[in-house]
Full PDB file with SEQRES, HELIX, SHEET, SSBOND, CRYST1, ORIGX, SCALE, CONECT and MASTER records, all heavy atoms in Angstrom:
SEQRES   1 A   34  ALA ASP GLY MET SER ALA ARG VAL GLY GLU GLY ASP VAL          
SEQRES   2 A   34  VAL LEU TRP PRO VAL CYS ASP LEU ASP GLY GLU PRO THR          
SEQRES   3 A   34  SER PHE CYS VAL ARG VAL GLY GLY                              
HELIX    1 AA1 ASP A    2  MET A    4  5                                   3    
SHEET    1 AA1 3 VAL A   8  GLU A  10  0                                        
SHEET    2 AA1 3 VAL A  13  CYS A  19 -1                                        
SHEET    3 AA1 3 PRO A  25  VAL A  32 -1                                        
CRYST1    1.000    1.000    1.000  90.00  90.00  90.00 P 1           1          
ORIGX1      1.000000  0.000000  0.000000        0.00000                         
ORIGX2      0.000000  1.000000  0.000000        0.00000                         
ORIGX3      0.000000  0.000000  1.000000        0.00000                         
SCALE1      1.000000  0.000000  0.000000        0.00000                         
SCALE2      0.000000  1.000000  0.000000        0.00000                         
SCALE3      0.000000  0.000000  1.000000        0.00000                         
ATOM      1  N   ALA A   1      -5.483  -4.803  -5.431  1.00  0.00           N  
ATOM      2  CA  ALA A   1      -4.450  -5.662  -6.020  1.00  0.00           C  
ATOM      3  C   ALA A   1      -3.180  -4.873  -6.320  1.00  0.00           C  
ATOM      4  O   ALA A   1      -2.071  -5.310  -5.995  1.00  0.00           O  
ATOM      5  CB  ALA A   1      -4.976  -6.334  -7.283  1.00  0.00           C  
ATOM      6  N   ASP A   2      -3.330  -3.707  -6.917  1.00  0.00           N  
ATOM      7  CA  ASP A   2      -2.171  -2.889  -7.267  1.00  0.00           C  
ATOM      8  C   ASP A   2      -1.460  -2.345  -6.028  1.00  0.00           C  
ATOM      9  O   ASP A   2      -0.245  -2.158  -6.033  1.00  0.00           O  
ATOM     10  CB  ASP A   2      -2.582  -1.737  -8.182  1.00  0.00           C  
ATOM     11  CG  ASP A   2      -3.089  -2.216  -9.537  1.00  0.00           C  
ATOM     12  OD1 ASP A   2      -2.857  -3.400  -9.883  1.00  0.00           O  
ATOM     13  OD2 ASP A   2      -3.735  -1.413 -10.238  1.00  0.00           O  
ATOM     14  N   GLY A   3      -2.223  -2.110  -4.953  1.00  0.00           N  
ATOM     15  CA  GLY A   3      -1.639  -1.601  -3.712  1.00  0.00           C  
ATOM     16  C   GLY A   3      -0.769  -2.595  -2.982  1.00  0.00           C  
ATOM     17  O   GLY A   3      -0.062  -2.244  -2.045  1.00  0.00           O  
ATOM     18  N   MET A   4      -0.781  -3.848  -3.412  1.00  0.00           N  
ATOM     19  CA  MET A   4       0.089  -4.864  -2.817  1.00  0.00           C  
ATOM     20  C   MET A   4       1.535  -4.720  -3.280  1.00  0.00           C  
ATOM     21  O   MET A   4       2.446  -5.227  -2.644  1.00  0.00           O  
ATOM     22  CB  MET A   4      -0.407  -6.261  -3.172  1.00  0.00           C  
ATOM     23  CG  MET A   4      -1.751  -6.596  -2.630  1.00  0.00           C  
ATOM     24  SD  MET A   4      -1.644  -6.822  -0.855  1.00  0.00           S  
ATOM     25  CE  MET A   4      -3.354  -7.055  -0.486  1.00  0.00           C  
ATOM     26  N   SER A   5       1.735  -4.013  -4.404  1.00  0.00           N  
ATOM     27  CA  SER A   5       3.088  -3.918  -4.943  1.00  0.00           C  
ATOM     28  C   SER A   5       3.578  -2.488  -5.163  1.00  0.00           C  
ATOM     29  O   SER A   5       4.758  -2.287  -5.408  1.00  0.00           O  
ATOM     30  CB  SER A   5       3.185  -4.695  -6.261  1.00  0.00           C  
ATOM     31  OG  SER A   5       2.269  -4.171  -7.194  1.00  0.00           O  
ATOM     32  N   ALA A   6       2.688  -1.505  -5.080  1.00  0.00           N  
ATOM     33  CA  ALA A   6       3.092  -0.115  -5.321  1.00  0.00           C  
ATOM     34  C   ALA A   6       2.101   0.829  -4.645  1.00  0.00           C  
ATOM     35  O   ALA A   6       0.972   0.441  -4.346  1.00  0.00           O  
ATOM     36  CB  ALA A   6       3.138   0.176  -6.820  1.00  0.00           C  
ATOM     37  N   ARG A   7       2.529   2.057  -4.437  1.00  0.00           N  
ATOM     38  CA  ARG A   7       1.625   3.071  -3.886  1.00  0.00           C  
ATOM     39  C   ARG A   7       0.606   3.430  -4.965  1.00  0.00           C  
ATOM     40  O   ARG A   7       0.982   3.798  -6.082  1.00  0.00           O  
ATOM     41  CB  ARG A   7       2.407   4.298  -3.457  1.00  0.00           C  
ATOM     42  CG  ARG A   7       1.546   5.343  -2.778  1.00  0.00           C  
ATOM     43  CD  ARG A   7       2.375   6.558  -2.361  1.00  0.00           C  
ATOM     44  NE  ARG A   7       1.585   7.493  -1.639  1.00  0.00           N  
ATOM     45  CZ  ARG A   7       1.455   7.534  -0.315  1.00  0.00           C  
ATOM     46  NH1 ARG A   7       2.113   6.664   0.422  1.00  0.00           N  
ATOM     47  NH2 ARG A   7       0.694   8.431   0.268  1.00  0.00           N  
ATOM     48  N   VAL A   8      -0.678   3.320  -4.619  1.00  0.00           N  
ATOM     49  CA  VAL A   8      -1.747   3.600  -5.566  1.00  0.00           C  
ATOM     50  C   VAL A   8      -2.870   4.362  -4.872  1.00  0.00           C  
ATOM     51  O   VAL A   8      -2.994   4.338  -3.659  1.00  0.00           O  
ATOM     52  CB  VAL A   8      -2.326   2.311  -6.197  1.00  0.00           C  
ATOM     53  CG1 VAL A   8      -1.281   1.601  -7.053  1.00  0.00           C  
ATOM     54  CG2 VAL A   8      -2.872   1.372  -5.138  1.00  0.00           C  
ATOM     55  N   GLY A   9      -3.671   5.013  -5.691  1.00  0.00           N  
ATOM     56  CA  GLY A   9      -4.839   5.712  -5.187  1.00  0.00           C  
ATOM     57  C   GLY A   9      -4.555   7.179  -4.945  1.00  0.00           C  
ATOM     58  O   GLY A   9      -3.406   7.608  -4.879  1.00  0.00           O  
ATOM     59  N   GLU A  10      -5.627   7.912  -4.847  1.00  0.00           N  
ATOM     60  CA  GLU A  10      -5.549   9.315  -4.499  1.00  0.00           C  
ATOM     61  C   GLU A  10      -6.906   9.695  -3.935  1.00  0.00           C  
ATOM     62  O   GLU A  10      -7.889   8.998  -4.124  1.00  0.00           O  
ATOM     63  CB  GLU A  10      -5.173  10.186  -5.693  1.00  0.00           C  
ATOM     64  CG  GLU A  10      -6.004   9.958  -6.925  1.00  0.00           C  
ATOM     65  CD  GLU A  10      -5.481  10.748  -8.103  1.00  0.00           C  
ATOM     66  OE1 GLU A  10      -4.464  10.352  -8.691  1.00  0.00           O  
ATOM     67  OE2 GLU A  10      -6.114  11.752  -8.428  1.00  0.00           O  
ATOM     68  N   GLY A  11      -6.962  10.774  -3.219  1.00  0.00           N  
ATOM     69  CA  GLY A  11      -8.234  11.159  -2.633  1.00  0.00           C  
ATOM     70  C   GLY A  11      -8.512  10.381  -1.370  1.00  0.00           C  
ATOM     71  O   GLY A  11      -7.666  10.284  -0.484  1.00  0.00           O  
ATOM     72  N   ASP A  12      -9.693   9.752  -1.299  1.00  0.00           N  
ATOM     73  CA  ASP A  12     -10.137   9.124  -0.063  1.00  0.00           C  
ATOM     74  C   ASP A  12      -9.488   7.790   0.269  1.00  0.00           C  
ATOM     75  O   ASP A  12      -9.513   7.366   1.421  1.00  0.00           O  
ATOM     76  CB  ASP A  12     -11.658   8.933  -0.091  1.00  0.00           C  
ATOM     77  CG  ASP A  12     -12.408  10.233   0.136  1.00  0.00           C  
ATOM     78  OD1 ASP A  12     -11.756  11.246   0.467  1.00  0.00           O  
ATOM     79  OD2 ASP A  12     -13.640  10.239  -0.014  1.00  0.00           O  
ATOM     80  N   VAL A  13      -8.936   7.076  -0.699  1.00  0.00           N  
ATOM     81  CA  VAL A  13      -8.317   5.775  -0.430  1.00  0.00           C  
ATOM     82  C   VAL A  13      -6.953   5.718  -1.110  1.00  0.00           C  
ATOM     83  O   VAL A  13      -6.850   5.880  -2.317  1.00  0.00           O  
ATOM     84  CB  VAL A  13      -9.202   4.612  -0.936  1.00  0.00           C  
ATOM     85  CG1 VAL A  13      -8.532   3.274  -0.658  1.00  0.00           C  
ATOM     86  CG2 VAL A  13     -10.593   4.649  -0.300  1.00  0.00           C  
ATOM     87  N   VAL A  14      -5.916   5.482  -0.293  1.00  0.00           N  
ATOM     88  CA  VAL A  14      -4.551   5.318  -0.800  1.00  0.00           C  
ATOM     89  C   VAL A  14      -3.978   4.057  -0.151  1.00  0.00           C  
ATOM     90  O   VAL A  14      -4.141   3.846   1.051  1.00  0.00           O  
ATOM     91  CB  VAL A  14      -3.670   6.546  -0.465  1.00  0.00           C  
ATOM     92  CG1 VAL A  14      -2.254   6.350  -0.980  1.00  0.00           C  
ATOM     93  CG2 VAL A  14      -4.277   7.823  -1.016  1.00  0.00           C  
ATOM     94  N   LEU A  15      -3.314   3.216  -0.944  1.00  0.00           N  
ATOM     95  CA  LEU A  15      -2.712   1.985  -0.442  1.00  0.00           C  
ATOM     96  C   LEU A  15      -1.245   1.926  -0.847  1.00  0.00           C  
ATOM     97  O   LEU A  15      -0.872   2.446  -1.899  1.00  0.00           O  
ATOM     98  CB  LEU A  15      -3.405   0.762  -1.051  1.00  0.00           C  
ATOM     99  CG  LEU A  15      -4.854   0.512  -0.699  1.00  0.00           C  
ATOM    100  CD1 LEU A  15      -5.767   1.160  -1.688  1.00  0.00           C  
ATOM    101  CD2 LEU A  15      -5.103  -0.955  -0.641  1.00  0.00           C  
ATOM    102  N   TRP A  16      -0.424   1.244  -0.020  1.00  0.00           N  
ATOM    103  CA  TRP A  16       0.962   1.006  -0.378  1.00  0.00           C  
ATOM    104  C   TRP A  16       1.483  -0.204   0.405  1.00  0.00           C  
ATOM    105  O   TRP A  16       1.026  -0.485   1.502  1.00  0.00           O  
ATOM    106  CB  TRP A  16       1.841   2.229  -0.153  1.00  0.00           C  
ATOM    107  CG  TRP A  16       1.954   2.686   1.266  1.00  0.00           C  
ATOM    108  CD1 TRP A  16       2.895   2.301   2.192  1.00  0.00           C  
ATOM    109  CD2 TRP A  16       1.095   3.608   1.944  1.00  0.00           C  
ATOM    110  NE1 TRP A  16       2.668   2.933   3.378  1.00  0.00           N  
ATOM    111  CE2 TRP A  16       1.582   3.745   3.261  1.00  0.00           C  
ATOM    112  CE3 TRP A  16      -0.032   4.338   1.568  1.00  0.00           C  
ATOM    113  CZ2 TRP A  16       0.969   4.565   4.205  1.00  0.00           C  
ATOM    114  CZ3 TRP A  16      -0.633   5.156   2.503  1.00  0.00           C  
ATOM    115  CH2 TRP A  16      -0.138   5.271   3.794  1.00  0.00           C  
ATOM    116  N   PRO A  17       2.442  -0.939  -0.185  1.00  0.00           N  
ATOM    117  CA  PRO A  17       2.968  -2.131   0.483  1.00  0.00           C  
ATOM    118  C   PRO A  17       4.008  -1.776   1.545  1.00  0.00           C  
ATOM    119  O   PRO A  17       4.670  -0.740   1.468  1.00  0.00           O  
ATOM    120  CB  PRO A  17       3.628  -2.907  -0.661  1.00  0.00           C  
ATOM    121  CG  PRO A  17       4.040  -1.842  -1.628  1.00  0.00           C  
ATOM    122  CD  PRO A  17       3.004  -0.758  -1.517  1.00  0.00           C  
ATOM    123  N   VAL A  18       4.136  -2.660   2.530  1.00  0.00           N  
ATOM    124  CA  VAL A  18       5.205  -2.609   3.520  1.00  0.00           C  
ATOM    125  C   VAL A  18       5.980  -3.907   3.314  1.00  0.00           C  
ATOM    126  O   VAL A  18       5.420  -4.994   3.438  1.00  0.00           O  
ATOM    127  CB  VAL A  18       4.666  -2.527   4.962  1.00  0.00           C  
ATOM    128  CG1 VAL A  18       5.796  -2.561   5.969  1.00  0.00           C  
ATOM    129  CG2 VAL A  18       3.798  -1.280   5.137  1.00  0.00           C  
ATOM    130  N   CYS A  19       7.267  -3.789   2.951  1.00  0.00           N  
ATOM    131  CA  CYS A  19       8.052  -4.966   2.561  1.00  0.00           C  
ATOM    132  C   CYS A  19       9.116  -5.302   3.592  1.00  0.00           C  
ATOM    133  O   CYS A  19       9.602  -4.425   4.313  1.00  0.00           O  
ATOM    134  CB  CYS A  19       8.700  -4.727   1.200  1.00  0.00           C  
ATOM    135  SG  CYS A  19       7.502  -4.469  -0.122  1.00  0.00           S  
ATOM    136  N   ASP A  20       9.500  -6.581   3.620  1.00  0.00           N  
ATOM    137  CA  ASP A  20      10.598  -7.003   4.484  1.00  0.00           C  
ATOM    138  C   ASP A  20      11.930  -6.677   3.804  1.00  0.00           C  
ATOM    139  O   ASP A  20      11.959  -6.070   2.724  1.00  0.00           O  
ATOM    140  CB  ASP A  20      10.476  -8.487   4.838  1.00  0.00           C  
ATOM    141  CG  ASP A  20      10.549  -9.419   3.633  1.00  0.00           C  
ATOM    142  OD1 ASP A  20      11.008  -8.986   2.542  1.00  0.00           O  
ATOM    143  OD2 ASP A  20      10.163 -10.585   3.776  1.00  0.00           O  
ATOM    144  N   LEU A  21      13.040  -7.086   4.408  1.00  0.00           N  
ATOM    145  CA  LEU A  21      14.363  -6.768   3.877  1.00  0.00           C  
ATOM    146  C   LEU A  21      14.622  -7.400   2.508  1.00  0.00           C  
ATOM    147  O   LEU A  21      15.464  -6.928   1.754  1.00  0.00           O  
ATOM    148  CB  LEU A  21      15.449  -7.187   4.866  1.00  0.00           C  
ATOM    149  CG  LEU A  21      15.433  -6.424   6.193  1.00  0.00           C  
ATOM    150  CD1 LEU A  21      16.473  -6.994   7.142  1.00  0.00           C  
ATOM    151  CD2 LEU A  21      15.643  -4.937   5.976  1.00  0.00           C  
ATOM    152  N   ASP A  22      13.882  -8.475   2.187  1.00  0.00           N  
ATOM    153  CA  ASP A  22      14.027  -9.125   0.884  1.00  0.00           C  
ATOM    154  C   ASP A  22      13.113  -8.521  -0.168  1.00  0.00           C  
ATOM    155  O   ASP A  22      13.066  -8.992  -1.304  1.00  0.00           O  
ATOM    156  CB  ASP A  22      13.737 -10.626   1.007  1.00  0.00           C  
ATOM    157  CG  ASP A  22      14.744 -11.334   1.896  1.00  0.00           C  
ATOM    158  OD1 ASP A  22      15.925 -10.938   1.884  1.00  0.00           O  
ATOM    159  OD2 ASP A  22      14.333 -12.277   2.605  1.00  0.00           O  
ATOM    160  N   GLY A  23      12.350  -7.502   0.200  1.00  0.00           N  
ATOM    161  CA  GLY A  23      11.450  -6.852  -0.746  1.00  0.00           C  
ATOM    162  C   GLY A  23      10.101  -7.526  -0.887  1.00  0.00           C  
ATOM    163  O   GLY A  23       9.309  -7.158  -1.749  1.00  0.00           O  
ATOM    164  N   GLU A  24       9.824  -8.514  -0.039  1.00  0.00           N  
ATOM    165  CA  GLU A  24       8.539  -9.211  -0.091  1.00  0.00           C  
ATOM    166  C   GLU A  24       7.521  -8.464   0.769  1.00  0.00           C  
ATOM    167  O   GLU A  24       7.821  -8.053   1.880  1.00  0.00           O  
ATOM    168  CB  GLU A  24       8.685 -10.648   0.430  1.00  0.00           C  
ATOM    169  CG  GLU A  24       9.560 -11.518  -0.435  1.00  0.00           C  
ATOM    170  CD  GLU A  24       9.005 -11.697  -1.830  1.00  0.00           C  
ATOM    171  OE1 GLU A  24       7.779 -11.925  -1.963  1.00  0.00           O  
ATOM    172  OE2 GLU A  24       9.785 -11.605  -2.794  1.00  0.00           O  
ATOM    173  N   PRO A  25       6.296  -8.286   0.259  1.00  0.00           N  
ATOM    174  CA  PRO A  25       5.286  -7.576   1.050  1.00  0.00           C  
ATOM    175  C   PRO A  25       4.849  -8.401   2.266  1.00  0.00           C  
ATOM    176  O   PRO A  25       4.496  -9.568   2.125  1.00  0.00           O  
ATOM    177  CB  PRO A  25       4.127  -7.375   0.075  1.00  0.00           C  
ATOM    178  CG  PRO A  25       4.338  -8.372  -1.001  1.00  0.00           C  
ATOM    179  CD  PRO A  25       5.799  -8.686  -1.049  1.00  0.00           C  
ATOM    180  N   THR A  26       4.942  -7.797   3.432  1.00  0.00           N  
ATOM    181  CA  THR A  26       4.491  -8.450   4.664  1.00  0.00           C  
ATOM    182  C   THR A  26       3.131  -7.901   5.086  1.00  0.00           C  
ATOM    183  O   THR A  26       2.354  -8.586   5.733  1.00  0.00           O  
ATOM    184  CB  THR A  26       5.487  -8.230   5.811  1.00  0.00           C  
ATOM    185  OG1 THR A  26       5.672  -6.819   6.007  1.00  0.00           O  
ATOM    186  CG2 THR A  26       6.816  -8.884   5.494  1.00  0.00           C  
ATOM    187  N   SER A  27       2.882  -6.676   4.725  1.00  0.00           N  
ATOM    188  CA  SER A  27       1.609  -6.031   5.025  1.00  0.00           C  
ATOM    189  C   SER A  27       1.424  -4.900   4.025  1.00  0.00           C  
ATOM    190  O   SER A  27       2.293  -4.664   3.185  1.00  0.00           O  
ATOM    191  CB  SER A  27       1.588  -5.502   6.463  1.00  0.00           C  
ATOM    192  OG  SER A  27       2.608  -4.556   6.668  1.00  0.00           O  
ATOM    193  N   PHE A  28       0.290  -4.241   4.117  1.00  0.00           N  
ATOM    194  CA  PHE A  28       0.095  -3.053   3.305  1.00  0.00           C  
ATOM    195  C   PHE A  28      -0.675  -2.046   4.137  1.00  0.00           C  
ATOM    196  O   PHE A  28      -1.386  -2.402   5.081  1.00  0.00           O  
ATOM    197  CB  PHE A  28      -0.598  -3.361   1.977  1.00  0.00           C  
ATOM    198  CG  PHE A  28      -1.992  -3.889   2.103  1.00  0.00           C  
ATOM    199  CD1 PHE A  28      -3.086  -3.049   1.944  1.00  0.00           C  
ATOM    200  CD2 PHE A  28      -2.224  -5.230   2.367  1.00  0.00           C  
ATOM    201  CE1 PHE A  28      -4.374  -3.534   2.056  1.00  0.00           C  
ATOM    202  CE2 PHE A  28      -3.508  -5.718   2.472  1.00  0.00           C  
ATOM    203  CZ  PHE A  28      -4.587  -4.871   2.318  1.00  0.00           C  
ATOM    204  N   CYS A  29      -0.481  -0.802   3.815  1.00  0.00           N  
ATOM    205  CA  CYS A  29      -1.156   0.276   4.537  1.00  0.00           C  
ATOM    206  C   CYS A  29      -2.306   0.808   3.697  1.00  0.00           C  
ATOM    207  O   CYS A  29      -2.220   0.878   2.476  1.00  0.00           O  
ATOM    208  CB  CYS A  29      -0.181   1.410   4.851  1.00  0.00           C  
ATOM    209  SG  CYS A  29       1.001   0.970   6.135  1.00  0.00           S  
ATOM    210  N   VAL A  30      -3.361   1.170   4.398  1.00  0.00           N  
ATOM    211  CA  VAL A  30      -4.526   1.790   3.772  1.00  0.00           C  
ATOM    212  C   VAL A  30      -4.778   3.097   4.512  1.00  0.00           C  
ATOM    213  O   VAL A  30      -4.945   3.096   5.735  1.00  0.00           O  
ATOM    214  CB  VAL A  30      -5.783   0.897   3.881  1.00  0.00           C  
ATOM    215  CG1 VAL A  30      -6.995   1.593   3.278  1.00  0.00           C  
ATOM    216  CG2 VAL A  30      -5.550  -0.452   3.232  1.00  0.00           C  
ATOM    217  N   ARG A  31      -4.754   4.181   3.767  1.00  0.00           N  
ATOM    218  CA  ARG A  31      -5.121   5.480   4.340  1.00  0.00           C  
ATOM    219  C   ARG A  31      -6.476   5.849   3.765  1.00  0.00           C  
ATOM    220  O   ARG A  31      -6.659   5.864   2.553  1.00  0.00           O  
ATOM    221  CB  ARG A  31      -4.102   6.554   3.995  1.00  0.00           C  
ATOM    222  CG  ARG A  31      -4.363   7.870   4.769  1.00  0.00           C  
ATOM    223  CD  ARG A  31      -3.499   8.987   4.293  1.00  0.00           C  
ATOM    224  NE  ARG A  31      -4.020   9.440   2.999  1.00  0.00           N  
ATOM    225  CZ  ARG A  31      -3.267   9.911   2.018  1.00  0.00           C  
ATOM    226  NH1 ARG A  31      -1.964   9.995   2.138  1.00  0.00           N  
ATOM    227  NH2 ARG A  31      -3.819  10.289   0.884  1.00  0.00           N  
ATOM    228  N   VAL A  32      -7.429   6.086   4.638  1.00  0.00           N  
ATOM    229  CA  VAL A  32      -8.782   6.430   4.205  1.00  0.00           C  
ATOM    230  C   VAL A  32      -9.202   7.747   4.836  1.00  0.00           C  
ATOM    231  O   VAL A  32      -8.716   8.134   5.890  1.00  0.00           O  
ATOM    232  CB  VAL A  32      -9.808   5.325   4.570  1.00  0.00           C  
ATOM    233  CG1 VAL A  32      -9.541   4.048   3.796  1.00  0.00           C  
ATOM    234  CG2 VAL A  32      -9.824   5.059   6.062  1.00  0.00           C  
ATOM    235  N   GLY A  33     -10.094   8.427   4.152  1.00  0.00           N  
ATOM    236  CA  GLY A  33     -10.673   9.640   4.707  1.00  0.00           C  
ATOM    237  C   GLY A  33     -10.334  10.858   3.892  1.00  0.00           C  
ATOM    238  O   GLY A  33      -9.387  10.868   3.115  1.00  0.00           O  
ATOM    239  N   GLY A  34     -11.145  11.868   4.068  1.00  0.00           N  
ATOM    240  CA  GLY A  34     -10.935  13.141   3.387  1.00  0.00           C  
ATOM    241  C   GLY A  34     -10.263  14.113   4.332  1.00  0.00           C  
ATOM    242  O   GLY A  34      -9.058  14.089   4.529  1.00  0.00           O  
TER     243      GLY A  34                                                      
MASTER        0    0    0    1    3    0    0    6  242    1    0    3          
END                                                                             
């Protein structure tokens, strides 16, 4: 939920939103792995 609006997480799972020109989230990225 928090990764939809800000970069969150550390370690094996990190999430962050990808926003359009109006600042609305269109997708989010998930980085997984050690």
